[in-house]
Amino acid sequence: MVRVGVVLACWLLFARVFVQLHTWTVDDAYITFRYAENWAAGEGPVYNPGEWVEGYTSVAWLALLTIAHALGAPTELASKALGAAAMATIPAVLASADRIAPVPPRAAGAAALIAGTSGALLAWAGGGLEVTASALVAASR
């Protein structure tokens, strides 16, 4: 029951931070947005059509944004929604870690609290890049 409270507290903190920082998008994210928009338009994963230069940091993130854009979602909004979803999932995954691996229940709760209140993760969740999605993959292992 304590872990449920920890996860809820993390979500409340995240909601507060996200509301304050929702207008912030890191400048490098716009590079990935352009690659995604060009790919969705049929040009391939390129920054400028006809110029094949790899300038994105995560092909998985690029693919997710390409799919979102192809489905009609604004790329920047999709990146923030995906980042927020990943950030909201991290404390829940860590809080239940003892159900997956031999981890003491208190350690699972502590991990959820530490990750769920990490200022860096909270801020980067709305930054537009794959930071929280990568952290979610790491937390899930």
Protein backbone atom coordinates (compact mmCIF):
# COMPACT_ATOMS: atom_id res chain seq x y z
CA MET A 1 0.00 0.00 0.00
CA VAL A 2 2.91 2.31 0.72
CA ARG A 3 4.23 1.81 -2.81
CA VAL A 4 0.88 2.87 -4.27
CA GLY A 5 1.19 6.08 -2.26
CA VAL A 6 4.73 6.58 -3.52
CA VAL A 7 3.62 6.18 -7.13
CA LEU A 8 0.68 8.56 -6.63
CA ALA A 9 2.95 11.14 -4.98
CA CYS A 10 5.38 10.87 -7.89
CA TRP A 11 2.54 11.38 -10.36
CA LEU A 12 1.32 14.48 -8.50
CA LEU A 13 4.82 15.96 -8.46
CA PHE A 14 5.28 15.15 -12.13
CA ALA A 15 1.94 16.77 -13.02
CA ARG A 16 2.97 19.93 -11.19
CA VAL A 17 6.38 20.11 -12.87
CA PHE A 18 4.97 19.22 -16.29
CA VAL A 19 2.39 22.01 -16.10
CA GLN A 20 5.18 24.48 -15.29
CA LEU A 21 7.55 23.25 -18.01
CA HIS A 22 5.14 22.15 -20.74
CA THR A 23 6.17 24.98 -23.05
CA TRP A 24 9.87 24.04 -22.91
CA THR A 25 11.21 21.92 -25.75
CA VAL A 26 14.92 21.28 -26.10
CA ASP A 27 16.25 22.62 -29.38
CA ASP A 28 17.73 19.28 -30.51
CA ALA A 29 14.25 17.75 -30.47
CA TYR A 30 13.30 19.86 -33.48
CA ILE A 31 15.95 18.03 -35.49
CA THR A 32 14.24 14.71 -34.77
CA PHE A 33 10.84 16.28 -35.49
CA ARG A 34 12.01 17.28 -38.96
CA TYR A 35 13.38 13.81 -39.67
CA ALA A 36 10.08 12.29 -38.53
CA GLU A 37 7.97 14.65 -40.61
CA ASN A 38 10.05 14.00 -43.73
CA TRP A 39 9.90 10.25 -43.16
CA ALA A 40 6.12 10.39 -42.69
CA ALA A 41 5.89 12.40 -45.93
CA GLY A 42 7.61 9.57 -47.80
CA GLU A 43 11.03 11.20 -48.14
CA GLY A 44 12.72 8.72 -45.82
CA PRO A 45 14.50 9.51 -42.55
CA VAL A 46 16.25 12.63 -43.84
CA TYR A 47 16.63 16.18 -42.59
CA ASN A 48 16.55 17.58 -46.12
CA PRO A 49 15.07 15.50 -48.93
CA GLY A 50 17.82 14.09 -51.10
CA GLU A 51 20.53 14.51 -48.44
CA TRP A 52 21.11 11.25 -46.59
CA VAL A 53 22.73 12.35 -43.33
CA GLU A 54 21.93 10.71 -40.00
CA GLY A 55 21.35 13.43 -37.43
CA TYR A 56 18.99 11.84 -34.91
CA THR A 57 19.98 10.10 -31.68
CA SER A 58 17.44 7.28 -31.46
CA VAL A 59 15.91 5.45 -34.39
CA ALA A 60 13.22 3.98 -32.11
CA TRP A 61 12.14 7.45 -30.93
CA LEU A 62 12.25 8.69 -34.51
CA ALA A 63 10.02 5.79 -35.59
CA LEU A 64 7.50 6.51 -32.83
CA LEU A 65 7.32 10.18 -33.79
CA THR A 66 7.05 9.28 -37.47
CA ILE A 67 4.09 7.01 -36.76
CA ALA A 68 2.44 9.68 -34.59
CA HIS A 69 2.93 12.31 -37.28
CA ALA A 70 1.65 9.96 -40.00
CA LEU A 71 -1.48 9.43 -37.89
CA GLY A 72 -2.04 13.19 -37.81
CA ALA A 73 -0.60 14.15 -34.44
CA PRO A 74 1.53 17.29 -34.24
CA THR A 75 5.08 16.01 -33.81
CA GLU A 76 6.02 18.24 -30.87
CA LEU A 77 2.83 17.38 -29.00
CA ALA A 78 3.33 13.67 -29.68
CA SER A 79 6.88 13.82 -28.32
CA LYS A 80 5.67 15.47 -25.12
CA ALA A 81 2.81 13.00 -24.72
CA LEU A 82 5.12 10.01 -25.24
CA GLY A 83 7.69 11.48 -22.83
CA ALA A 84 5.00 12.12 -20.22
CA ALA A 85 3.61 8.60 -20.60
CA ALA A 86 7.09 7.13 -20.16
CA MET A 87 7.75 9.30 -17.11
CA ALA A 88 4.43 8.33 -15.53
CA THR A 89 5.20 4.66 -16.08
CA ILE A 90 8.70 4.64 -14.55
CA PRO A 91 7.69 4.81 -10.86
CA ALA A 92 4.96 2.21 -11.40
CA VAL A 93 7.42 -0.19 -13.03
CA LEU A 94 10.03 0.30 -10.31
CA ALA A 95 7.48 0.01 -7.49
CA SER A 96 6.49 -3.42 -8.77
CA ALA A 97 10.07 -4.60 -9.41
CA ASP A 98 9.90 -7.11 -6.56
CA ARG A 99 7.19 -8.99 -8.45
CA ILE A 100 9.55 -9.55 -11.37
CA ALA A 101 12.96 -9.99 -9.75
CA PRO A 102 14.31 -10.80 -6.29
CA VAL A 103 14.26 -7.22 -4.99
CA PRO A 104 13.32 -6.31 -1.42
CA PRO A 105 9.94 -4.51 -1.39
CA ARG A 106 11.44 -1.48 0.39
CA ALA A 107 14.10 -1.20 -2.31
CA ALA A 108 11.44 -1.24 -5.01
CA GLY A 109 9.57 1.56 -3.26
CA ALA A 110 12.76 3.55 -2.76
CA ALA A 111 13.72 3.15 -6.42
CA ALA A 112 10.27 4.35 -7.48
CA LEU A 113 10.54 7.37 -5.19
CA ILE A 114 14.05 8.29 -6.34
CA ALA A 115 13.31 7.96 -10.06
CA GLY A 116 9.84 9.45 -9.78
CA THR A 117 11.13 12.58 -8.09
CA SER A 118 14.31 13.00 -10.12
CA GLY A 119 14.45 16.61 -11.21
CA ALA A 120 16.29 15.71 -14.38
CA LEU A 121 13.78 13.09 -15.47
CA LEU A 122 10.84 15.31 -14.53
CA ALA A 123 12.20 18.18 -16.61
CA TRP A 124 13.25 16.05 -19.59
CA ALA A 125 9.86 14.33 -19.79
CA GLY A 126 8.48 17.28 -21.72
CA GLY A 127 11.68 18.21 -23.51
CA GLY A 128 10.83 16.34 -26.70
CA LEU A 129 13.70 13.87 -26.74
CA GLU A 130 13.83 10.18 -25.85
CA VAL A 131 15.27 10.64 -22.34
CA THR A 132 12.35 9.31 -20.31
CA ALA A 133 11.55 6.60 -22.86
CA SER A 134 15.15 5.39 -22.55
CA ALA A 135 14.92 5.56 -18.77
CA LEU A 136 11.74 3.48 -18.90
CA VAL A 137 13.50 0.82 -20.96
CA ALA A 138 16.36 0.80 -18.45
CA ALA A 139 13.96 0.60 -15.49
CA SER A 140 12.11 -2.29 -17.09
CA ARG A 141 15.19 -4.49 -17.28
